Amino acid sequence: MSEKIVKEIIERAIEDEKFRKELFKHPEKALAGYDLTAKEQKLLEGLNEENFDKFAGGLGARTTKGAWRPG
C-alpha cells in the first residue's frame, strides 16, 4: 500500500471540505486520477462521516502530523 498517496488523499479530505464530501458521496469520482491499488481504492471508498476521523487517526482537531498509519 502506498502510504504517501493514501496520506495525501486523507490530508486533502481534512483540508478541503468539498473534496471530503465528494469522497463520501462519490468516492470513485473523488479518487479518479490517483494511482491506487484495488485494496487502497476499496479502503478509501469505505470512508464516511462516521468513520473518517477514526481512520485518519482519531484526530479531533483535524490535523495529520504523522498520527495516521495505514493498516
Protein backbone atom coordinates (compact mmCIF):
# COMPACT_ATOMS: atom_id res chain seq x y z
CA MET A 1 0.00 0.00 0.00
CA SER A 2 1.33 3.41 -0.92
CA GLU A 3 1.21 5.28 2.37
CA LYS A 4 2.22 8.51 0.62
CA ILE A 5 -0.74 8.56 -1.79
CA VAL A 6 -3.28 7.47 0.82
CA LYS A 7 -1.96 10.06 3.29
CA GLU A 8 -2.15 12.73 0.58
CA ILE A 9 -5.83 11.86 -0.02
CA ILE A 10 -6.61 11.91 3.72
CA GLU A 11 -4.84 15.24 4.18
CA ARG A 12 -6.74 16.69 1.23
CA ALA A 13 -10.02 15.44 2.72
CA ILE A 14 -9.13 17.05 6.06
CA GLU A 15 -8.29 20.41 4.49
CA ASP A 16 -10.86 20.52 1.66
CA GLU A 17 -14.46 20.12 2.79
CA LYS A 18 -15.77 19.93 -0.79
CA PHE A 19 -13.35 17.09 -1.61
CA ARG A 20 -14.24 15.30 1.64
CA LYS A 21 -17.96 15.42 0.82
CA GLU A 22 -17.23 14.15 -2.70
CA LEU A 23 -15.12 11.35 -1.23
CA PHE A 24 -18.03 10.25 0.96
CA LYS A 25 -20.77 10.61 -1.67
CA HIS A 26 -18.96 9.71 -4.90
CA PRO A 27 -15.64 8.10 -3.97
CA GLU A 28 -14.95 6.76 -7.45
CA LYS A 29 -15.13 10.32 -8.81
CA ALA A 30 -13.10 11.82 -5.95
CA LEU A 31 -10.38 9.18 -6.30
CA ALA A 32 -10.15 9.34 -10.09
CA GLY A 33 -6.62 10.24 -11.13
CA TYR A 34 -4.96 8.79 -8.04
CA ASP A 35 -2.73 5.77 -8.64
CA LEU A 36 -4.29 3.41 -6.09
CA THR A 37 -4.25 -0.34 -5.73
CA ALA A 38 -7.60 -2.13 -5.65
CA LYS A 39 -7.15 -2.57 -1.88
CA GLU A 40 -6.49 1.15 -1.35
CA GLN A 41 -9.43 2.09 -3.57
CA LYS A 42 -11.79 -0.19 -1.62
CA LEU A 43 -10.49 1.07 1.72
CA LEU A 44 -10.96 4.73 0.79
CA GLU A 45 -14.35 4.09 -0.81
CA GLY A 46 -15.49 2.74 2.56
CA LEU A 47 -14.96 6.05 4.34
CA ASN A 48 -17.90 8.08 5.59
CA GLU A 49 -18.54 10.86 8.09
CA GLU A 50 -18.83 8.40 10.97
CA ASN A 51 -15.53 6.56 10.43
CA PHE A 52 -13.34 9.21 8.78
CA ASP A 53 -11.84 10.71 11.93
CA LYS A 54 -11.07 7.28 13.36
CA PHE A 55 -9.48 6.21 10.09
CA ALA A 56 -7.48 9.42 9.89
CA GLY A 57 -6.08 8.75 13.34
CA GLY A 58 -8.90 9.86 15.63
CA LEU A 59 -7.85 13.45 15.18
CA GLY A 60 -10.47 15.68 16.73
CA ALA A 61 -8.55 18.81 15.70
CA ARG A 62 -8.35 17.59 12.08
CA THR A 63 -4.60 17.64 11.76
CA THR A 64 -2.41 14.89 10.38
CA LYS A 65 1.02 15.47 11.96
CA GLY A 66 2.02 11.84 11.45
CA ALA A 67 -0.60 10.19 13.64
CA TRP A 68 -2.20 8.17 10.86
CA ARG A 69 -0.69 4.89 9.78
CA PRO A 70 -2.37 2.74 7.12
CA GLY A 71 -3.03 -0.85 8.12
